[in-house]
Protein backbone atom coordinates (compact mmCIF):
# COMPACT_ATOMS: atom_id res chain seq x y z
CA MET A 1 119.06 54.90 165.61
CA ARG A 2 122.20 56.33 164.30
CA ARG A 3 121.76 54.63 160.91
CA THR A 4 118.28 56.38 160.49
CA LEU A 5 119.08 59.94 161.37
CA LYS A 6 121.84 59.29 158.93
CA ALA A 7 119.48 57.76 155.89
CA VAL A 8 117.40 60.75 156.48
CA GLY A 9 120.05 63.35 156.73
CA ALA A 10 121.45 61.92 153.15
CA ALA A 11 117.80 61.53 151.88
CA ALA A 12 117.43 65.61 152.95
CA ALA A 13 120.51 66.37 151.36
CA ALA A 14 119.49 64.74 148.26
CA ALA A 15 116.14 66.18 147.90
CA THR A 16 118.13 69.51 148.62
CA CYS A 17 119.88 68.80 145.84
CA VAL A 18 117.09 67.69 143.42
CA LEU A 19 114.93 71.14 144.31
CA ALA A 20 117.78 73.46 143.37
CA ALA A 21 118.35 71.73 140.29
CA THR A 22 114.99 71.71 139.48
CA ALA A 23 114.79 75.21 140.30
CA GLY A 24 117.54 76.25 138.44
CA THR A 25 116.30 74.37 135.37
CA ALA A 26 113.03 76.04 135.40
CA GLN A 27 114.60 79.43 135.58
CA ALA A 28 117.01 78.66 132.59
CA GLU A 29 113.98 77.53 130.34
CA ALA A 30 113.61 79.35 127.26
CA PRO A 31 110.08 81.77 126.61
CA LYS A 32 107.55 80.33 124.79
CA THR A 33 106.67 81.32 121.18
CA ARG A 34 102.95 82.44 121.32
CA SER A 35 102.17 81.44 118.01
CA LEU A 36 103.24 78.72 115.61
CA HIS A 37 103.45 81.38 112.66
CA ALA A 38 105.85 83.79 111.88
CA PRO A 39 104.69 87.30 112.13
CA SER A 40 103.70 89.24 108.78
CA VAL A 41 102.92 92.59 109.12
CA LEU A 42 102.72 94.90 106.54
CA VAL A 43 102.50 98.73 105.90
CA LEU A 44 101.79 99.71 102.18
CA SER A 45 101.58 103.27 100.77
CA VAL A 46 101.18 104.95 97.32
CA GLY A 47 102.84 108.52 96.86
CA GLN A 48 103.58 111.42 94.40
CA GLY A 49 107.36 110.70 93.63
CA GLU A 50 110.20 108.85 91.85
CA ASP A 51 110.96 106.86 94.80
CA ALA A 52 109.93 105.85 98.24
CA ASP A 53 112.24 107.81 99.74
CA SER A 54 111.02 111.19 98.29
CA ALA A 55 107.38 110.26 97.51
CA THR A 56 104.82 112.14 99.37
CA VAL A 57 102.69 110.08 100.60
CA GLU A 58 99.21 110.38 99.64
CA ARG A 59 97.66 107.13 101.42
CA ALA A 60 99.17 104.31 103.65
CA VAL A 61 97.20 100.97 104.70
CA THR A 62 98.38 98.11 107.29
CA LEU A 63 98.07 94.81 106.57
CA THR A 64 98.86 91.97 108.83
CA CYS A 65 98.55 88.34 107.62
CA ALA A 66 99.96 85.94 110.48
CA PRO A 67 98.43 85.11 112.48
CA ARG A 68 95.06 86.08 110.61
CA PRO A 69 94.48 88.64 108.16
CA SER A 70 93.53 92.43 109.72
CA GLY A 71 94.62 95.47 109.56
CA SER A 72 93.68 99.06 107.80
CA HIS A 73 93.54 97.19 103.94
CA PRO A 74 90.13 97.54 102.61
CA ALA A 75 90.59 93.69 101.67
CA PRO A 76 92.60 92.09 104.13
CA ALA A 77 92.00 88.23 103.69
CA ALA A 78 92.11 88.64 100.05
CA ALA A 79 95.70 90.60 100.11
CA CYS A 80 97.15 88.01 102.19
CA ALA A 81 95.92 85.32 99.74
CA GLU A 82 97.24 86.79 96.76
CA LEU A 83 100.66 87.43 99.00
CA SER A 84 100.96 84.04 99.86
CA LYS A 85 100.46 82.74 96.50
CA VAL A 86 103.46 84.62 95.23
CA ASN A 87 105.10 83.82 98.73
CA GLY A 88 105.85 87.67 99.58
CA GLN A 89 107.52 88.46 96.22
CA PHE A 90 105.77 92.05 95.61
CA ALA A 91 107.36 92.00 92.36
CA MET A 92 105.02 89.31 90.84
CA LEU A 93 102.21 91.58 91.31
CA VAL A 94 103.27 94.39 89.10
CA GLY A 95 102.38 93.05 85.19
CA SER A 96 104.60 94.28 82.41
CA THR A 97 102.29 93.85 79.46
CA THR A 98 98.40 95.53 79.49
CA ASP A 99 95.76 96.62 77.08
CA ALA A 100 95.58 100.05 79.10
CA ILE A 101 95.95 103.24 76.88
CA CYS A 102 97.58 105.60 79.18
CA THR A 103 98.90 108.90 78.53
CA LYS A 104 102.68 109.52 78.60
CA GLU A 105 103.39 112.37 81.41
CA TRP A 106 105.71 111.85 83.70
CA ARG A 107 103.74 112.51 87.14
CA PRO A 108 105.75 109.44 88.97
CA VAL A 109 103.74 107.70 91.68
CA THR A 110 105.60 105.12 94.45
CA VAL A 111 103.98 101.85 95.47
CA ALA A 112 105.88 101.30 99.07
CA VAL A 113 106.07 98.05 101.24
CA THR A 114 107.64 97.68 104.01
CA GLY A 115 107.55 95.56 107.49
CA VAL A 116 107.94 91.76 108.13
CA TRP A 117 106.65 89.06 106.06
CA ASN A 118 106.85 85.68 107.71
CA GLY A 119 109.63 86.66 110.16
CA LYS A 120 111.43 88.57 107.63
CA HIS A 121 112.33 92.34 107.52
CA VAL A 122 110.83 93.20 103.43
CA SER A 123 111.13 96.63 101.72
CA TRP A 124 109.89 97.01 98.50
CA SER A 125 108.90 99.87 96.29
CA GLU A 126 107.87 100.24 92.43
CA THR A 127 107.72 103.31 90.99
CA PHE A 128 105.19 104.36 87.77
CA ALA A 129 104.72 106.69 84.97
CA ASN A 130 101.52 108.11 86.61
CA GLN A 131 98.33 106.80 88.08
CA CYS A 132 97.05 105.12 85.20
CA GLU A 133 100.13 103.08 84.43
CA MET A 134 100.30 102.31 88.24
CA LYS A 135 96.65 100.92 87.76
CA ALA A 136 97.59 98.87 84.89
CA GLY A 137 100.72 97.45 86.54
CA LEU A 138 98.79 96.51 88.89
CA MET A 139 96.09 94.35 87.47
CA GLU A 140 93.54 94.65 89.60
CA GLY A 141 95.31 93.11 92.26
CA ALA A 142 94.36 92.97 95.95
CA ALA A 143 97.01 93.26 97.78
CA LEU A 144 98.65 96.77 96.12
CA SER A 145 95.00 97.82 95.37
CA PHE A 146 93.76 100.29 98.40
């Protein structure tokens, strides 16, 4: 009988240790991610002014690309596809040569993008001499035309 009580006591002590260890491990477990995709959420704006910090914003839209295209951008799926092609390199969406004929007036317009692209913070802007130069430089692309 003594051996049985000792065996039961030892088994109970072992079970208690296992349960305590299991409970401690469960509490220390890292939080699980909700998505397999890194977030891509951007705010795109156009404003009058020589730089993004001083420009008076005329219009702005939001664009979410991951986990799926959405936002107030007029063409989120096309914009996200275009940004994916250039791996989020916004400068690649601006053309340097054009057949457009624009006046030489100086009424600067700045296009700016801030937010997160594929999990990394981004901030980009480009200033054009005027609206005509901006339209010509953006080459009718989807991402920066809103």
